Amino acid sequence: FLYLPWSKKEGKNEGYCILSFVDGRDAQDFFLEFYG
C-alpha cells in the first residue's frame, strides 16, 4: 500500500505518505534507508 495525499486545490502533496509493507522486516529496512 502507498498513499501520498494530494491537494488539487493547492497543487501539491500534503507532505506525508502512508506506506504498508508485506513484512515487518521490510518496514524496518525502509526506516533505515529513508529516515534522516
PDB file of all heavy atoms in Angstrom:
ATOM      1  N   PHE A   1       0.845  -1.198   0.000  1.00  0.00           N
ATOM      2  CA  PHE A   1       0.000   0.000   0.000  1.00  0.00           C
ATOM      3  C   PHE A   1       0.878   1.246   0.000  1.00  0.00           C
ATOM      4  O   PHE A   1       1.915   1.281   0.675  1.00  0.00           O
ATOM      5  CB  PHE A   1      -0.883   0.007   1.264  1.00  0.00           C
ATOM      6  CG  PHE A   1      -1.760   1.219   1.396  1.00  0.00           C
ATOM      7  CD1 PHE A   1      -2.988   1.275   0.770  1.00  0.00           C
ATOM      8  CD2 PHE A   1      -1.361   2.300   2.155  1.00  0.00           C
ATOM      9  CE1 PHE A   1      -3.810   2.389   0.895  1.00  0.00           C
ATOM     10  CE2 PHE A   1      -2.174   3.422   2.286  1.00  0.00           C
ATOM     11  CZ  PHE A   1      -3.397   3.464   1.657  1.00  0.00           C
ATOM     12  N   LEU A   2       0.439   2.265  -0.737  1.00  0.00           N
ATOM     13  CA  LEU A   2       1.106   3.570  -0.724  1.00  0.00           C
ATOM     14  C   LEU A   2       0.055   4.636  -1.010  1.00  0.00           C
ATOM     15  O   LEU A   2      -0.754   4.475  -1.919  1.00  0.00           O
ATOM     16  CB  LEU A   2       2.202   3.637  -1.783  1.00  0.00           C
ATOM     17  CG  LEU A   2       3.035   4.927  -1.779  1.00  0.00           C
ATOM     18  CD1 LEU A   2       4.508   4.613  -1.993  1.00  0.00           C
ATOM     19  CD2 LEU A   2       2.551   5.900  -2.824  1.00  0.00           C
ATOM     20  N   TYR A   3       0.072   5.696  -0.197  1.00  0.00           N
ATOM     21  CA  TYR A   3      -0.857   6.806  -0.418  1.00  0.00           C
ATOM     22  C   TYR A   3      -0.181   8.114  -0.034  1.00  0.00           C
ATOM     23  O   TYR A   3       0.201   8.306   1.114  1.00  0.00           O
ATOM     24  CB  TYR A   3      -2.138   6.610   0.384  1.00  0.00           C
ATOM     25  CG  TYR A   3      -3.173   7.699   0.195  1.00  0.00           C
ATOM     26  CD1 TYR A   3      -3.432   8.259  -1.060  1.00  0.00           C
ATOM     27  CD2 TYR A   3      -3.918   8.147   1.258  1.00  0.00           C
ATOM     28  CE1 TYR A   3      -4.392   9.246  -1.232  1.00  0.00           C
ATOM     29  CE2 TYR A   3      -4.890   9.133   1.094  1.00  0.00           C
ATOM     30  CZ  TYR A   3      -5.123   9.681  -0.141  1.00  0.00           C
ATOM     31  OH  TYR A   3      -6.069  10.657  -0.311  1.00  0.00           O
ATOM     32  N   LEU A   4      -0.018   8.980  -1.021  1.00  0.00           N
ATOM     33  CA  LEU A   4       0.519  10.321  -0.827  1.00  0.00           C
ATOM     34  C   LEU A   4      -0.628  11.288  -1.109  1.00  0.00           C
ATOM     35  O   LEU A   4      -0.922  11.579  -2.265  1.00  0.00           O
ATOM     36  CB  LEU A   4       1.693  10.572  -1.777  1.00  0.00           C
ATOM     37  CG  LEU A   4       2.312  11.964  -1.780  1.00  0.00           C
ATOM     38  CD1 LEU A   4       2.922  12.301  -0.424  1.00  0.00           C
ATOM     39  CD2 LEU A   4       3.371  12.075  -2.861  1.00  0.00           C
ATOM     40  N   PRO A   5      -1.316  11.753  -0.064  1.00  0.00           N
ATOM     41  CA  PRO A   5      -2.460  12.654  -0.291  1.00  0.00           C
ATOM     42  C   PRO A   5      -2.049  13.907  -1.059  1.00  0.00           C
ATOM     43  O   PRO A   5      -1.010  14.501  -0.785  1.00  0.00           O
ATOM     44  CB  PRO A   5      -2.927  13.008   1.127  1.00  0.00           C
ATOM     45  CG  PRO A   5      -2.412  11.912   1.987  1.00  0.00           C
ATOM     46  CD  PRO A   5      -1.112  11.474   1.355  1.00  0.00           C
ATOM     47  N   TRP A   6      -2.875  14.276  -2.028  1.00  0.00           N
ATOM     48  CA  TRP A   6      -2.595  15.411  -2.904  1.00  0.00           C
ATOM     49  C   TRP A   6      -3.728  16.425  -2.793  1.00  0.00           C
ATOM     50  O   TRP A   6      -4.901  16.065  -2.876  1.00  0.00           O
ATOM     51  CB  TRP A   6      -2.476  14.935  -4.347  1.00  0.00           C
ATOM     52  CG  TRP A   6      -2.072  16.006  -5.296  1.00  0.00           C
ATOM     53  CD1 TRP A   6      -2.897  16.816  -6.021  1.00  0.00           C
ATOM     54  CD2 TRP A   6      -0.748  16.408  -5.632  1.00  0.00           C
ATOM     55  NE1 TRP A   6      -2.158  17.687  -6.788  1.00  0.00           N
ATOM     56  CE2 TRP A   6      -0.827  17.457  -6.557  1.00  0.00           C
ATOM     57  CE3 TRP A   6       0.512  15.968  -5.222  1.00  0.00           C
ATOM     58  CZ2 TRP A   6       0.278  18.082  -7.099  1.00  0.00           C
ATOM     59  CZ3 TRP A   6       1.619  16.585  -5.751  1.00  0.00           C
ATOM     60  CH2 TRP A   6       1.508  17.623  -6.682  1.00  0.00           C
ATOM     61  N   SER A   7      -3.386  17.681  -2.615  1.00  0.00           N
ATOM     62  CA  SER A   7      -4.371  18.756  -2.597  1.00  0.00           C
ATOM     63  C   SER A   7      -4.480  19.325  -4.009  1.00  0.00           C
ATOM     64  O   SER A   7      -3.581  20.043  -4.456  1.00  0.00           O
ATOM     65  CB  SER A   7      -3.959  19.852  -1.609  1.00  0.00           C
ATOM     66  OG  SER A   7      -4.807  20.971  -1.762  1.00  0.00           O
ATOM     67  N   LYS A   8      -5.562  18.994  -4.701  1.00  0.00           N
ATOM     68  CA  LYS A   8      -5.749  19.512  -6.056  1.00  0.00           C
ATOM     69  C   LYS A   8      -5.939  21.025  -6.021  1.00  0.00           C
ATOM     70  O   LYS A   8      -5.509  21.728  -6.927  1.00  0.00           O
ATOM     71  CB  LYS A   8      -6.940  18.837  -6.720  1.00  0.00           C
ATOM     72  CG  LYS A   8      -6.674  17.380  -7.038  1.00  0.00           C
ATOM     73  CD  LYS A   8      -7.848  16.725  -7.722  1.00  0.00           C
ATOM     74  CE  LYS A   8      -7.551  15.258  -7.973  1.00  0.00           C
ATOM     75  NZ  LYS A   8      -8.656  14.569  -8.611  1.00  0.00           N
ATOM     76  N   LYS A   9      -6.550  21.509  -4.950  1.00  0.00           N
ATOM     77  CA  LYS A   9      -6.784  22.942  -4.810  1.00  0.00           C
ATOM     78  C   LYS A   9      -5.464  23.711  -4.725  1.00  0.00           C
ATOM     79  O   LYS A   9      -5.287  24.750  -5.347  1.00  0.00           O
ATOM     80  CB  LYS A   9      -7.627  23.199  -3.565  1.00  0.00           C
ATOM     81  CG  LYS A   9      -7.980  24.644  -3.322  1.00  0.00           C
ATOM     82  CD  LYS A   9      -8.825  24.786  -2.077  1.00  0.00           C
ATOM     83  CE  LYS A   9      -9.125  26.250  -1.794  1.00  0.00           C
ATOM     84  NZ  LYS A   9      -9.918  26.392  -0.560  1.00  0.00           N
ATOM     85  N   GLU A  10      -4.527  23.181  -3.948  1.00  0.00           N
ATOM     86  CA  GLU A  10      -3.238  23.850  -3.766  1.00  0.00           C
ATOM     87  C   GLU A  10      -2.183  23.395  -4.761  1.00  0.00           C
ATOM     88  O   GLU A  10      -1.120  24.001  -4.881  1.00  0.00           O
ATOM     89  CB  GLU A  10      -2.741  23.637  -2.334  1.00  0.00           C
ATOM     90  CG  GLU A  10      -3.640  24.291  -1.295  1.00  0.00           C
ATOM     91  CD  GLU A  10      -3.119  24.098   0.116  1.00  0.00           C
ATOM     92  OE1 GLU A  10      -1.895  23.936   0.286  1.00  0.00           O
ATOM     93  OE2 GLU A  10      -3.938  24.121   1.042  1.00  0.00           O
ATOM     94  N   GLY A  11      -2.429  22.292  -5.455  1.00  0.00           N
ATOM     95  CA  GLY A  11      -1.484  21.784  -6.446  1.00  0.00           C
ATOM     96  C   GLY A  11      -0.204  21.227  -5.853  1.00  0.00           C
ATOM     97  O   GLY A  11       0.862  21.335  -6.450  1.00  0.00           O
ATOM     98  N   LYS A  12      -0.319  20.601  -4.679  1.00  0.00           N
ATOM     99  CA  LYS A  12       0.854  19.999  -4.035  1.00  0.00           C
ATOM    100  C   LYS A  12       0.409  18.872  -3.113  1.00  0.00           C
ATOM    101  O   LYS A  12      -0.768  18.740  -2.791  1.00  0.00           O
ATOM    102  CB  LYS A  12       1.633  21.050  -3.252  1.00  0.00           C
ATOM    103  CG  LYS A  12       0.858  21.665  -2.104  1.00  0.00           C
ATOM    104  CD  LYS A  12       1.688  22.705  -1.370  1.00  0.00           C
ATOM    105  CE  LYS A  12       0.934  23.219  -0.150  1.00  0.00           C
ATOM    106  NZ  LYS A  12       1.759  24.085   0.664  1.00  0.00           N
ATOM    107  N   ASN A  13       1.388  18.062  -2.703  1.00  0.00           N
ATOM    108  CA  ASN A  13       1.049  16.981  -1.787  1.00  0.00           C
ATOM    109  C   ASN A  13       0.930  17.535  -0.361  1.00  0.00           C
ATOM    110  O   ASN A  13       1.312  18.670  -0.088  1.00  0.00           O
ATOM    111  CB  ASN A  13       2.057  15.825  -1.880  1.00  0.00           C
ATOM    112  CG  ASN A  13       3.413  16.165  -1.313  1.00  0.00           C
ATOM    113  OD1 ASN A  13       3.564  16.608  -0.175  1.00  0.00           O
ATOM    114  ND2 ASN A  13       4.445  15.954  -2.118  1.00  0.00           N
ATOM    115  N   GLU A  14       0.405  16.705   0.523  1.00  0.00           N
ATOM    116  CA  GLU A  14       0.172  17.131   1.908  1.00  0.00           C
ATOM    117  C   GLU A  14       1.427  17.013   2.786  1.00  0.00           C
ATOM    118  O   GLU A  14       1.382  17.332   3.964  1.00  0.00           O
ATOM    119  CB  GLU A  14      -0.966  16.315   2.521  1.00  0.00           C
ATOM    120  CG  GLU A  14      -2.294  16.474   1.806  1.00  0.00           C
ATOM    121  CD  GLU A  14      -2.939  17.832   2.023  1.00  0.00           C
ATOM    122  OE1 GLU A  14      -2.622  18.497   3.022  1.00  0.00           O
ATOM    123  OE2 GLU A  14      -3.757  18.228   1.177  1.00  0.00           O
ATOM    124  N   GLY A  15       2.530  16.533   2.226  1.00  0.00           N
ATOM    125  CA  GLY A  15       3.787  16.471   2.965  1.00  0.00           C
ATOM    126  C   GLY A  15       4.063  15.159   3.677  1.00  0.00           C
ATOM    127  O   GLY A  15       5.108  14.992   4.290  1.00  0.00           O
ATOM    128  N   TYR A  16       3.114  14.221   3.598  1.00  0.00           N
ATOM    129  CA  TYR A  16       3.326  12.919   4.234  1.00  0.00           C
ATOM    130  C   TYR A  16       2.758  11.822   3.339  1.00  0.00           C
ATOM    131  O   TYR A  16       1.942  12.072   2.467  1.00  0.00           O
ATOM    132  CB  TYR A  16       2.661  12.854   5.618  1.00  0.00           C
ATOM    133  CG  TYR A  16       1.159  12.816   5.562  1.00  0.00           C
ATOM    134  CD1 TYR A  16       0.486  11.596   5.528  1.00  0.00           C
ATOM    135  CD2 TYR A  16       0.407  13.981   5.515  1.00  0.00           C
ATOM    136  CE1 TYR A  16      -0.903  11.552   5.447  1.00  0.00           C
ATOM    137  CE2 TYR A  16      -0.976  13.940   5.443  1.00  0.00           C
ATOM    138  CZ  TYR A  16      -1.622  12.723   5.420  1.00  0.00           C
ATOM    139  OH  TYR A  16      -2.994  12.685   5.339  1.00  0.00           O
ATOM    140  N   CYS A  17       3.209  10.613   3.603  1.00  0.00           N
ATOM    141  CA  CYS A  17       2.756   9.450   2.850  1.00  0.00           C
ATOM    142  C   CYS A  17       2.547   8.306   3.827  1.00  0.00           C
ATOM    143  O   CYS A  17       3.276   8.197   4.814  1.00  0.00           O
ATOM    144  CB  CYS A  17       3.828   9.069   1.823  1.00  0.00           C
ATOM    145  SG  CYS A  17       3.424   7.604   0.862  1.00  0.00           S
ATOM    146  N   ILE A  18       1.564   7.475   3.551  1.00  0.00           N
ATOM    147  CA  ILE A  18       1.352   6.255   4.320  1.00  0.00           C
ATOM    148  C   ILE A  18       1.784   5.095   3.443  1.00  0.00           C
ATOM    149  O   ILE A  18       1.363   4.991   2.290  1.00  0.00           O
ATOM    150  CB  ILE A  18      -0.121   6.093   4.728  1.00  0.00           C
ATOM    151  CG1 ILE A  18      -0.572   7.283   5.569  1.00  0.00           C
ATOM    152  CG2 ILE A  18      -0.329   4.779   5.478  1.00  0.00           C
ATOM    153  CD1 ILE A  18      -2.059   7.318   5.840  1.00  0.00           C
ATOM    154  N   LEU A  19       2.652   4.241   3.994  1.00  0.00           N
ATOM    155  CA  LEU A  19       3.134   3.069   3.273  1.00  0.00           C
ATOM    156  C   LEU A  19       2.914   1.847   4.145  1.00  0.00           C
ATOM    157  O   LEU A  19       3.046   1.934   5.369  1.00  0.00           O
ATOM    158  CB  LEU A  19       4.642   3.168   3.002  1.00  0.00           C
ATOM    159  CG  LEU A  19       5.150   4.383   2.261  1.00  0.00           C
ATOM    160  CD1 LEU A  19       5.762   5.343   3.231  1.00  0.00           C
ATOM    161  CD2 LEU A  19       6.137   3.965   1.232  1.00  0.00           C
ATOM    162  N   SER A  20       2.611   0.730   3.532  1.00  0.00           N
ATOM    163  CA  SER A  20       2.498  -0.507   4.278  1.00  0.00           C
ATOM    164  C   SER A  20       3.302  -1.582   3.560  1.00  0.00           C
ATOM    165  O   SER A  20       3.312  -1.647   2.330  1.00  0.00           O
ATOM    166  CB  SER A  20       1.035  -0.936   4.406  1.00  0.00           C
ATOM    167  OG  SER A  20       0.924  -2.018   5.309  1.00  0.00           O
ATOM    168  N   PHE A  21       3.963  -2.402   4.346  1.00  0.00           N
ATOM    169  CA  PHE A  21       4.860  -3.419   3.808  1.00  0.00           C
ATOM    170  C   PHE A  21       4.302  -4.804   4.069  1.00  0.00           C
ATOM    171  O   PHE A  21       3.534  -5.025   5.010  1.00  0.00           O
ATOM    172  CB  PHE A  21       6.247  -3.276   4.450  1.00  0.00           C
ATOM    173  CG  PHE A  21       6.908  -1.974   4.077  1.00  0.00           C
ATOM    174  CD1 PHE A  21       6.647  -0.819   4.791  1.00  0.00           C
ATOM    175  CD2 PHE A  21       7.757  -1.895   2.989  1.00  0.00           C
ATOM    176  CE1 PHE A  21       7.223   0.388   4.431  1.00  0.00           C
ATOM    177  CE2 PHE A  21       8.328  -0.693   2.618  1.00  0.00           C
ATOM    178  CZ  PHE A  21       8.068   0.450   3.346  1.00  0.00           C
ATOM    179  N   VAL A  22       4.713  -5.739   3.241  1.00  0.00           N
ATOM    180  CA  VAL A  22       4.280  -7.123   3.365  1.00  0.00           C
ATOM    181  C   VAL A  22       4.830  -7.716   4.661  1.00  0.00           C
ATOM    182  O   VAL A  22       4.148  -8.465   5.351  1.00  0.00           O
ATOM    183  CB  VAL A  22       4.749  -7.944   2.141  1.00  0.00           C
ATOM    184  CG1 VAL A  22       4.374  -9.402   2.285  1.00  0.00           C
ATOM    185  CG2 VAL A  22       4.183  -7.361   0.858  1.00  0.00           C
ATOM    186  N   ASP A  23       6.032  -7.333   5.029  1.00  0.00           N
ATOM    187  CA  ASP A  23       6.734  -7.909   6.172  1.00  0.00           C
ATOM    188  C   ASP A  23       7.300  -6.802   7.053  1.00  0.00           C
ATOM    189  O   ASP A  23       7.770  -5.788   6.547  1.00  0.00           O
ATOM    190  CB  ASP A  23       7.854  -8.805   5.629  1.00  0.00           C
ATOM    191  CG  ASP A  23       8.555  -9.586   6.702  1.00  0.00           C
ATOM    192  OD1 ASP A  23       9.442  -9.023   7.365  1.00  0.00           O
ATOM    193  OD2 ASP A  23       8.216 -10.773   6.875  1.00  0.00           O
ATOM    194  N   GLY A  24       7.290  -7.004   8.350  1.00  0.00           N
ATOM    195  CA  GLY A  24       7.828  -6.029   9.294  1.00  0.00           C
ATOM    196  C   GLY A  24       9.316  -5.754   9.098  1.00  0.00           C
ATOM    197  O   GLY A  24       9.787  -4.638   9.355  1.00  0.00           O
ATOM    198  N   ARG A  25      10.059  -6.745   8.641  1.00  0.00           N
ATOM    199  CA  ARG A  25      11.495  -6.522   8.391  1.00  0.00           C
ATOM    200  C   ARG A  25      11.707  -5.530   7.252  1.00  0.00           C
ATOM    201  O   ARG A  25      12.634  -4.731   7.267  1.00  0.00           O
ATOM    202  CB  ARG A  25      12.199  -7.846   8.093  1.00  0.00           C
ATOM    203  CG  ARG A  25      12.275  -8.753   9.328  1.00  0.00           C
ATOM    204  CD  ARG A  25      12.794 -10.094   8.949  1.00  0.00           C
ATOM    205  NE  ARG A  25      11.760 -10.703   8.103  1.00  0.00           N
ATOM    206  CZ  ARG A  25      11.654 -11.983   7.852  1.00  0.00           C
ATOM    207  NH1 ARG A  25      12.548 -12.810   8.327  1.00  0.00           N
ATOM    208  NH2 ARG A  25      10.685 -12.466   7.110  1.00  0.00           N
ATOM    209  N   ASP A  26      10.825  -5.575   6.254  1.00  0.00           N
ATOM    210  CA  ASP A  26      10.909  -4.617   5.151  1.00  0.00           C
ATOM    211  C   ASP A  26      10.603  -3.202   5.640  1.00  0.00           C
ATOM    212  O   ASP A  26      11.231  -2.243   5.200  1.00  0.00           O
ATOM    213  CB  ASP A  26       9.956  -5.003   4.023  1.00  0.00           C
ATOM    214  CG  ASP A  26      10.320  -6.340   3.391  1.00  0.00           C
ATOM    215  OD1 ASP A  26      11.534  -6.653   3.322  1.00  0.00           O
ATOM    216  OD2 ASP A  26       9.400  -7.061   2.976  1.00  0.00           O
ATOM    217  N   ALA A  27       9.654  -3.073   6.556  1.00  0.00           N
ATOM    218  CA  ALA A  27       9.338  -1.764   7.141  1.00  0.00           C
ATOM    219  C   ALA A  27      10.544  -1.234   7.917  1.00  0.00           C
ATOM    220  O   ALA A  27      10.872  -0.045   7.836  1.00  0.00           O
ATOM    221  CB  ALA A  27       8.113  -1.866   8.048  1.00  0.00           C
ATOM    222  N   GLN A  28      11.218  -2.111   8.633  1.00  0.00           N
ATOM    223  CA  GLN A  28      12.413  -1.705   9.376  1.00  0.00           C
ATOM    224  C   GLN A  28      13.525  -1.285   8.416  1.00  0.00           C
ATOM    225  O   GLN A  28      14.191  -0.264   8.628  1.00  0.00           O
ATOM    226  CB  GLN A  28      12.888  -2.854  10.266  1.00  0.00           C
ATOM    227  CG  GLN A  28      14.048  -2.472  11.161  1.00  0.00           C
ATOM    228  CD  GLN A  28      14.436  -3.614  12.090  1.00  0.00           C
ATOM    229  OE1 GLN A  28      14.052  -4.768  11.893  1.00  0.00           O
ATOM    230  NE2 GLN A  28      15.201  -3.295  13.106  1.00  0.00           N
ATOM    231  N   ASP A  29      13.723  -2.023   7.348  1.00  0.00           N
ATOM    232  CA  ASP A  29      14.726  -1.661   6.339  1.00  0.00           C
ATOM    233  C   ASP A  29      14.392  -0.315   5.692  1.00  0.00           C
ATOM    234  O   ASP A  29      15.277   0.487   5.420  1.00  0.00           O
ATOM    235  CB  ASP A  29      14.839  -2.745   5.257  1.00  0.00           C
ATOM    236  CG  ASP A  29      15.454  -4.035   5.777  1.00  0.00           C
ATOM    237  OD1 ASP A  29      16.087  -4.016   6.863  1.00  0.00           O
ATOM    238  OD2 ASP A  29      15.292  -5.067   5.097  1.00  0.00           O
ATOM    239  N   PHE A  30      13.098  -0.076   5.447  1.00  0.00           N
ATOM    240  CA  PHE A  30      12.666   1.202   4.887  1.00  0.00           C
ATOM    241  C   PHE A  30      13.023   2.341   5.846  1.00  0.00           C
ATOM    242  O   PHE A  30      13.530   3.381   5.424  1.00  0.00           O
ATOM    243  CB  PHE A  30      11.153   1.189   4.618  1.00  0.00           C
ATOM    244  CG  PHE A  30      10.633   2.471   4.047  1.00  0.00           C
ATOM    245  CD1 PHE A  30      10.650   2.685   2.678  1.00  0.00           C
ATOM    246  CD2 PHE A  30      10.138   3.475   4.861  1.00  0.00           C
ATOM    247  CE1 PHE A  30      10.169   3.871   2.136  1.00  0.00           C
ATOM    248  CE2 PHE A  30       9.660   4.662   4.338  1.00  0.00           C
ATOM    249  CZ  PHE A  30       9.676   4.862   2.978  1.00  0.00           C
ATOM    250  N   PHE A  31      12.764   2.140   7.123  1.00  0.00           N
ATOM    251  CA  PHE A  31      13.111   3.149   8.127  1.00  0.00           C
ATOM    252  C   PHE A  31      14.598   3.478   8.053  1.00  0.00           C
ATOM    253  O   PHE A  31      14.994   4.648   8.010  1.00  0.00           O
ATOM    254  CB  PHE A  31      12.745   2.652   9.534  1.00  0.00           C
ATOM    255  CG  PHE A  31      13.170   3.584  10.625  1.00  0.00           C
ATOM    256  CD1 PHE A  31      12.332   4.619  11.030  1.00  0.00           C
ATOM    257  CD2 PHE A  31      14.400   3.439  11.255  1.00  0.00           C
ATOM    258  CE1 PHE A  31      12.716   5.495  12.035  1.00  0.00           C
ATOM    259  CE2 PHE A  31      14.798   4.306  12.250  1.00  0.00           C
ATOM    260  CZ  PHE A  31      13.953   5.341  12.642  1.00  0.00           C
ATOM    261  N   LEU A  32      15.435   2.458   8.012  1.00  0.00           N
ATOM    262  CA  LEU A  32      16.880   2.673   7.975  1.00  0.00           C
ATOM    263  C   LEU A  32      17.331   3.371   6.694  1.00  0.00           C
ATOM    264  O   LEU A  32      18.270   4.172   6.711  1.00  0.00           O
ATOM    265  CB  LEU A  32      17.613   1.332   8.126  1.00  0.00           C
ATOM    266  CG  LEU A  32      17.411   0.627   9.471  1.00  0.00           C
ATOM    267  CD1 LEU A  32      18.001  -0.777   9.430  1.00  0.00           C
ATOM    268  CD2 LEU A  32      18.026   1.436  10.610  1.00  0.00           C
ATOM    269  N   GLU A  33      16.657   3.096   5.581  1.00  0.00           N
ATOM    270  CA  GLU A  33      17.025   3.695   4.297  1.00  0.00           C
ATOM    271  C   GLU A  33      16.577   5.151   4.177  1.00  0.00           C
ATOM    272  O   GLU A  33      17.287   5.980   3.626  1.00  0.00           O
ATOM    273  CB  GLU A  33      16.419   2.872   3.146  1.00  0.00           C
ATOM    274  CG  GLU A  33      16.602   3.453   1.769  1.00  0.00           C
ATOM    275  CD  GLU A  33      18.030   3.453   1.266  1.00  0.00           C
ATOM    276  OE1 GLU A  33      18.834   2.623   1.716  1.00  0.00           O
ATOM    277  OE2 GLU A  33      18.347   4.317   0.417  1.00  0.00           O
ATOM    278  N   PHE A  34      15.399   5.474   4.689  1.00  0.00           N
ATOM    279  CA  PHE A  34      14.817   6.796   4.437  1.00  0.00           C
ATOM    280  C   PHE A  34      14.914   7.785   5.602  1.00  0.00           C
ATOM    281  O   PHE A  34      14.954   8.988   5.363  1.00  0.00           O
ATOM    282  CB  PHE A  34      13.348   6.648   4.007  1.00  0.00           C
ATOM    283  CG  PHE A  34      13.199   6.212   2.578  1.00  0.00           C
ATOM    284  CD1 PHE A  34      13.255   4.870   2.234  1.00  0.00           C
ATOM    285  CD2 PHE A  34      13.010   7.137   1.565  1.00  0.00           C
ATOM    286  CE1 PHE A  34      13.126   4.454   0.917  1.00  0.00           C
ATOM    287  CE2 PHE A  34      12.880   6.743   0.244  1.00  0.00           C
ATOM    288  CZ  PHE A  34      12.938   5.399  -0.075  1.00  0.00           C
ATOM    289  N   TYR A  35      14.931   7.318   6.840  1.00  0.00           N
ATOM    290  CA  TYR A  35      14.935   8.243   7.978  1.00  0.00           C
ATOM    291  C   TYR A  35      16.182   9.137   7.965  1.00  0.00           C
ATOM    292  O   TYR A  35      17.304   8.663   7.872  1.00  0.00           O
ATOM    293  CB  TYR A  35      14.875   7.479   9.309  1.00  0.00           C
ATOM    294  CG  TYR A  35      14.791   8.408  10.493  1.00  0.00           C
ATOM    295  CD1 TYR A  35      13.582   8.957  10.883  1.00  0.00           C
ATOM    296  CD2 TYR A  35      15.934   8.757  11.215  1.00  0.00           C
ATOM    297  CE1 TYR A  35      13.496   9.822  11.956  1.00  0.00           C
ATOM    298  CE2 TYR A  35      15.858   9.627  12.287  1.00  0.00           C
ATOM    299  CZ  TYR A  35      14.635  10.161  12.647  1.00  0.00           C
ATOM    300  OH  TYR A  35      14.550  11.025  13.705  1.00  0.00           O
ATOM    301  N   GLY A  36      15.955  10.434   8.011  1.00  0.00           N
ATOM    302  CA  GLY A  36      17.059  11.393   8.032  1.00  0.00           C
ATOM    303  C   GLY A  36      17.678  11.671   6.675  1.00  0.00           C
ATOM    304  O   GLY A  36      18.596  12.476   6.568  1.00  0.00           O
TER     305      GLY A  36
END
